[in-house]
Structures are given as structure tokens and as C-alpha cells.
Amino acid sequence: MKKVVIAVLVVFLGFWLFTDPNGLAASSETAGSGAWTAAQSMFQAVIDFIGAF
């Protein structure tokens, strides 16, 4: 089942890449930016928590 899900995901991303590369790039940029912001928030929260000790 896991292999099927991975295969479907790869086919979907490949189709998206060939039909709308600009849309895929924009979505990837948005996701990467959101992930970076979340990571910064998490590390700042850890720093604040340790600093509270």
C-alpha cells in the first residue's frame, strides 16, 4: 500500500511539473517559506523556554 501511495504521488507531481511548472514552483516556494517560518518559530520558542529556566 505504501508503494502505491508513493507511486501515485510521484505520478501526480510529474504530471503537475509538465502541465504547470510555474504553478508547481510557486507552490513549492510557498511551502518552503511556510516551513522556514515554522522552523524559526519553533527554535525561538525553544530558546525562550530554555531562557525561562
PDB file of N, CA and C in Angstrom:
ATOM      1  N   MET A   1       0.826  -1.191   0.000  1.00  0.00           N
ATOM      2  CA  MET A   1       0.000   0.000   0.000  1.00  0.00           C
ATOM      3  C   MET A   1       0.868   1.252   0.000  1.00  0.00           C
ATOM      4  N   LYS A   2       1.952   1.233   0.783  1.00  0.00           N
ATOM      5  CA  LYS A   2       2.831   2.391   0.873  1.00  0.00           C
ATOM      6  C   LYS A   2       3.476   2.687  -0.486  1.00  0.00           C
ATOM      7  N   LYS A   3       3.867   1.644  -1.202  1.00  0.00           N
ATOM      8  CA  LYS A   3       4.488   1.830  -2.514  1.00  0.00           C
ATOM      9  C   LYS A   3       3.500   2.427  -3.511  1.00  0.00           C
ATOM     10  N   VAL A   4       2.242   2.044  -3.395  1.00  0.00           N
ATOM     11  CA  VAL A   4       1.212   2.569  -4.297  1.00  0.00           C
ATOM     12  C   VAL A   4       1.004   4.060  -4.054  1.00  0.00           C
ATOM     13  N   VAL A   5       0.964   4.450  -2.797  1.00  0.00           N
ATOM     14  CA  VAL A   5       0.783   5.860  -2.454  1.00  0.00           C
ATOM     15  C   VAL A   5       1.965   6.681  -2.960  1.00  0.00           C
ATOM     16  N   ILE A   6       3.163   6.184  -2.781  1.00  0.00           N
ATOM     17  CA  ILE A   6       4.358   6.886  -3.261  1.00  0.00           C
ATOM     18  C   ILE A   6       4.336   6.992  -4.783  1.00  0.00           C
ATOM     19  N   ALA A   7       3.958   5.907  -5.464  1.00  0.00           N
ATOM     20  CA  ALA A   7       3.895   5.923  -6.927  1.00  0.00           C
ATOM     21  C   ALA A   7       2.861   6.926  -7.423  1.00  0.00           C
ATOM     22  N   VAL A   8       1.699   6.977  -6.791  1.00  0.00           N
ATOM     23  CA  VAL A   8       0.661   7.934  -7.186  1.00  0.00           C
ATOM     24  C   VAL A   8       1.146   9.361  -6.953  1.00  0.00           C
ATOM     25  N   LEU A   9       1.830   9.600  -5.856  1.00  0.00           N
ATOM     26  CA  LEU A   9       2.359  10.932  -5.561  1.00  0.00           C
ATOM     27  C   LEU A   9       3.393  11.357  -6.602  1.00  0.00           C
ATOM     28  N   VAL A  10       4.283  10.445  -6.979  1.00  0.00           N
ATOM     29  CA  VAL A  10       5.301  10.747  -7.990  1.00  0.00           C
ATOM     30  C   VAL A  10       4.653  11.038  -9.339  1.00  0.00           C
ATOM     31  N   VAL A  11       3.664  10.238  -9.716  1.00  0.00           N
ATOM     32  CA  VAL A  11       2.968  10.469 -10.987  1.00  0.00           C
ATOM     33  C   VAL A  11       2.247  11.807 -10.963  1.00  0.00           C
ATOM     34  N   PHE A  12       1.595  12.129  -9.846  1.00  0.00           N
ATOM     35  CA  PHE A  12       0.902  13.407  -9.725  1.00  0.00           C
ATOM     36  C   PHE A  12       1.863  14.583  -9.852  1.00  0.00           C
ATOM     37  N   LEU A  13       2.985  14.521  -9.129  1.00  0.00           N
ATOM     38  CA  LEU A  13       3.964  15.617  -9.199  1.00  0.00           C
ATOM     39  C   LEU A  13       4.580  15.727 -10.589  1.00  0.00           C
ATOM     40  N   GLY A  14       4.832  14.583 -11.229  1.00  0.00           N
ATOM     41  CA  GLY A  14       5.355  14.607 -12.587  1.00  0.00           C
ATOM     42  C   GLY A  14       4.373  15.231 -13.555  1.00  0.00           C
ATOM     43  N   PHE A  15       3.096  14.870 -13.440  1.00  0.00           N
ATOM     44  CA  PHE A  15       2.063  15.463 -14.287  1.00  0.00           C
ATOM     45  C   PHE A  15       1.968  16.963 -14.058  1.00  0.00           C
ATOM     46  N   TRP A  16       1.996  17.363 -12.795  1.00  0.00           N
ATOM     47  CA  TRP A  16       1.923  18.775 -12.454  1.00  0.00           C
ATOM     48  C   TRP A  16       3.133  19.527 -13.007  1.00  0.00           C
ATOM     49  N   LEU A  17       4.311  18.910 -12.940  1.00  0.00           N
ATOM     50  CA  LEU A  17       5.534  19.525 -13.435  1.00  0.00           C
ATOM     51  C   LEU A  17       5.439  19.804 -14.933  1.00  0.00           C
ATOM     52  N   PHE A  18       4.896  18.855 -15.697  1.00  0.00           N
ATOM     53  CA  PHE A  18       4.828  19.026 -17.143  1.00  0.00           C
ATOM     54  C   PHE A  18       3.658  19.885 -17.588  1.00  0.00           C
ATOM     55  N   THR A  19       2.581  19.942 -16.822  1.00  0.00           N
ATOM     56  CA  THR A  19       1.424  20.731 -17.246  1.00  0.00           C
ATOM     57  C   THR A  19       1.456  22.160 -16.724  1.00  0.00           C
ATOM     58  N   ASP A  20       2.014  22.393 -15.542  1.00  0.00           N
ATOM     59  CA  ASP A  20       2.037  23.738 -14.954  1.00  0.00           C
ATOM     60  C   ASP A  20       3.292  23.927 -14.116  1.00  0.00           C
ATOM     61  N   PRO A  21       4.460  24.060 -14.766  1.00  0.00           N
ATOM     62  CA  PRO A  21       5.696  24.180 -13.984  1.00  0.00           C
ATOM     63  C   PRO A  21       5.747  25.446 -13.125  1.00  0.00           C
ATOM     64  N   ASN A  22       5.155  26.543 -13.615  1.00  0.00           N
ATOM     65  CA  ASN A  22       5.160  27.773 -12.818  1.00  0.00           C
ATOM     66  C   ASN A  22       4.303  27.627 -11.566  1.00  0.00           C
ATOM     67  N   GLY A  23       3.177  26.934 -11.685  1.00  0.00           N
ATOM     68  CA  GLY A  23       2.328  26.696 -10.526  1.00  0.00           C
ATOM     69  C   GLY A  23       3.017  25.821  -9.497  1.00  0.00           C
ATOM     70  N   LEU A  24       3.717  24.791  -9.960  1.00  0.00           N
ATOM     71  CA  LEU A  24       4.462  23.918  -9.051  1.00  0.00           C
ATOM     72  C   LEU A  24       5.568  24.703  -8.347  1.00  0.00           C
ATOM     73  N   ALA A  25       6.257  25.551  -9.091  1.00  0.00           N
ATOM     74  CA  ALA A  25       7.328  26.353  -8.489  1.00  0.00           C
ATOM     75  C   ALA A  25       6.773  27.321  -7.445  1.00  0.00           C
ATOM     76  N   ALA A  26       5.652  27.944  -7.754  1.00  0.00           N
ATOM     77  CA  ALA A  26       5.042  28.883  -6.802  1.00  0.00           C
ATOM     78  C   ALA A  26       4.575  28.158  -5.547  1.00  0.00           C
ATOM     79  N   SER A  27       3.976  26.989  -5.730  1.00  0.00           N
ATOM     80  CA  SER A  27       3.519  26.214  -4.577  1.00  0.00           C
ATOM     81  C   SER A  27       4.695  25.741  -3.730  1.00  0.00           C
ATOM     82  N   SER A  28       5.767  25.323  -4.386  1.00  0.00           N
ATOM     83  CA  SER A  28       6.964  24.885  -3.663  1.00  0.00           C
ATOM     84  C   SER A  28       7.575  26.035  -2.879  1.00  0.00           C
ATOM     85  N   GLU A  29       7.601  27.218  -3.491  1.00  0.00           N
ATOM     86  CA  GLU A  29       8.151  28.385  -2.806  1.00  0.00           C
ATOM     87  C   GLU A  29       7.312  28.736  -1.582  1.00  0.00           C
ATOM     88  N   THR A  30       5.991  28.692  -1.730  1.00  0.00           N
ATOM     89  CA  THR A  30       5.106  28.992  -0.611  1.00  0.00           C
ATOM     90  C   THR A  30       5.270  27.973   0.512  1.00  0.00           C
ATOM     91  N   ALA A  31       5.347  26.695   0.140  1.00  0.00           N
ATOM     92  CA  ALA A  31       5.511  25.641   1.154  1.00  0.00           C
ATOM     93  C   ALA A  31       6.861  25.777   1.859  1.00  0.00           C
ATOM     94  N   GLY A  32       7.915  26.048   1.105  1.00  0.00           N
ATOM     95  CA  GLY A  32       9.240  26.215   1.699  1.00  0.00           C
ATOM     96  C   GLY A  32       9.297  27.408   2.634  1.00  0.00           C
ATOM     97  N   SER A  33       8.662  28.490   2.222  1.00  0.00           N
ATOM     98  CA  SER A  33       8.635  29.690   3.055  1.00  0.00           C
ATOM     99  C   SER A  33       7.872  29.430   4.351  1.00  0.00           C
ATOM    100  N   GLY A  34       6.757  28.733   4.238  1.00  0.00           N
ATOM    101  CA  GLY A  34       5.979  28.402   5.436  1.00  0.00           C
ATOM    102  C   GLY A  34       6.741  27.485   6.368  1.00  0.00           C
ATOM    103  N   ALA A  35       7.450  26.515   5.806  1.00  0.00           N
ATOM    104  CA  ALA A  35       8.241  25.595   6.621  1.00  0.00           C
ATOM    105  C   ALA A  35       9.370  26.339   7.333  1.00  0.00           C
ATOM    106  N   TRP A  36      10.005  27.268   6.627  1.00  0.00           N
ATOM    107  CA  TRP A  36      11.091  28.045   7.235  1.00  0.00           C
ATOM    108  C   TRP A  36      10.566  28.917   8.370  1.00  0.00           C
ATOM    109  N   THR A  37       9.419  29.540   8.171  1.00  0.00           N
ATOM    110  CA  THR A  37       8.817  30.363   9.212  1.00  0.00           C
ATOM    111  C   THR A  37       8.444  29.518  10.426  1.00  0.00           C
ATOM    112  N   ALA A  38       7.893  28.330  10.184  1.00  0.00           N
ATOM    113  CA  ALA A  38       7.537  27.437  11.288  1.00  0.00           C
ATOM    114  C   ALA A  38       8.781  26.991  12.051  1.00  0.00           C
ATOM    115  N   ALA A  39       9.859  26.693  11.332  1.00  0.00           N
ATOM    116  CA  ALA A  39      11.103  26.280  11.989  1.00  0.00           C
ATOM    117  C   ALA A  39      11.666  27.416  12.835  1.00  0.00           C
ATOM    118  N   GLN A  40      11.627  28.632  12.310  1.00  0.00           N
ATOM    119  CA  GLN A  40      12.114  29.776  13.083  1.00  0.00           C
ATOM    120  C   GLN A  40      11.292  29.968  14.351  1.00  0.00           C
ATOM    121  N   SER A  41       9.982  29.837  14.237  1.00  0.00           N
ATOM    122  CA  SER A  41       9.108  29.994  15.404  1.00  0.00           C
ATOM    123  C   SER A  41       9.386  28.915  16.449  1.00  0.00           C
ATOM    124  N   MET A  42       9.593  27.688  15.973  1.00  0.00           N
ATOM    125  CA  MET A  42       9.862  26.587  16.894  1.00  0.00           C
ATOM    126  C   MET A  42      11.176  26.821  17.643  1.00  0.00           C
ATOM    127  N   PHE A  43      12.225  27.202  16.916  1.00  0.00           N
ATOM    128  CA  PHE A  43      13.509  27.427  17.574  1.00  0.00           C
ATOM    129  C   PHE A  43      13.448  28.619  18.522  1.00  0.00           C
ATOM    130  N   GLN A  44      12.700  29.654  18.153  1.00  0.00           N
ATOM    131  CA  GLN A  44      12.555  30.802  19.050  1.00  0.00           C
ATOM    132  C   GLN A  44      11.809  30.392  20.314  1.00  0.00           C
ATOM    133  N   ALA A  45      10.811  29.524  20.179  1.00  0.00           N
ATOM    134  CA  ALA A  45      10.079  29.041  21.347  1.00  0.00           C
ATOM    135  C   ALA A  45      10.979  28.196  22.243  1.00  0.00           C
ATOM    136  N   VAL A  46      11.844  27.376  21.659  1.00  0.00           N
ATOM    137  CA  VAL A  46      12.778  26.571  22.448  1.00  0.00           C
ATOM    138  C   VAL A  46      13.772  27.492  23.168  1.00  0.00           C
ATOM    139  N   ILE A  47      14.279  28.498  22.481  1.00  0.00           N
ATOM    140  CA  ILE A  47      15.205  29.447  23.101  1.00  0.00           C
ATOM    141  C   ILE A  47      14.537  30.175  24.256  1.00  0.00           C
ATOM    142  N   ASP A  48      13.286  30.624  24.062  1.00  0.00           N
ATOM    143  CA  ASP A  48      12.562  31.299  25.128  1.00  0.00           C
ATOM    144  C   ASP A  48      12.314  30.378  26.309  1.00  0.00           C
ATOM    145  N   PHE A  49      11.985  29.105  26.018  1.00  0.00           N
ATOM    146  CA  PHE A  49      11.724  28.141  27.082  1.00  0.00           C
ATOM    147  C   PHE A  49      12.986  27.899  27.905  1.00  0.00           C
ATOM    148  N   ILE A  50      14.113  27.709  27.230  1.00  0.00           N
ATOM    149  CA  ILE A  50      15.373  27.471  27.937  1.00  0.00           C
ATOM    150  C   ILE A  50      15.780  28.732  28.704  1.00  0.00           C
ATOM    151  N   GLY A  51      15.548  29.883  28.103  1.00  0.00           N
ATOM    152  CA  GLY A  51      15.887  31.124  28.779  1.00  0.00           C
ATOM    153  C   GLY A  51      15.032  31.379  30.021  1.00  0.00           C
ATOM    154  N   ALA A  52      13.845  30.798  30.061  1.00  0.00           N
ATOM    155  CA  ALA A  52      12.971  30.985  31.224  1.00  0.00           C
ATOM    156  C   ALA A  52      13.469  30.214  32.447  1.00  0.00           C
ATOM    157  N   PHE A  53      14.336  29.207  32.209  1.00  0.00           N
ATOM    158  CA  PHE A  53      14.880  28.473  33.339  1.00  0.00           C
ATOM    159  C   PHE A  53      15.884  29.326  33.997  1.00  0.00           C
TER     160      PHE A  53
END
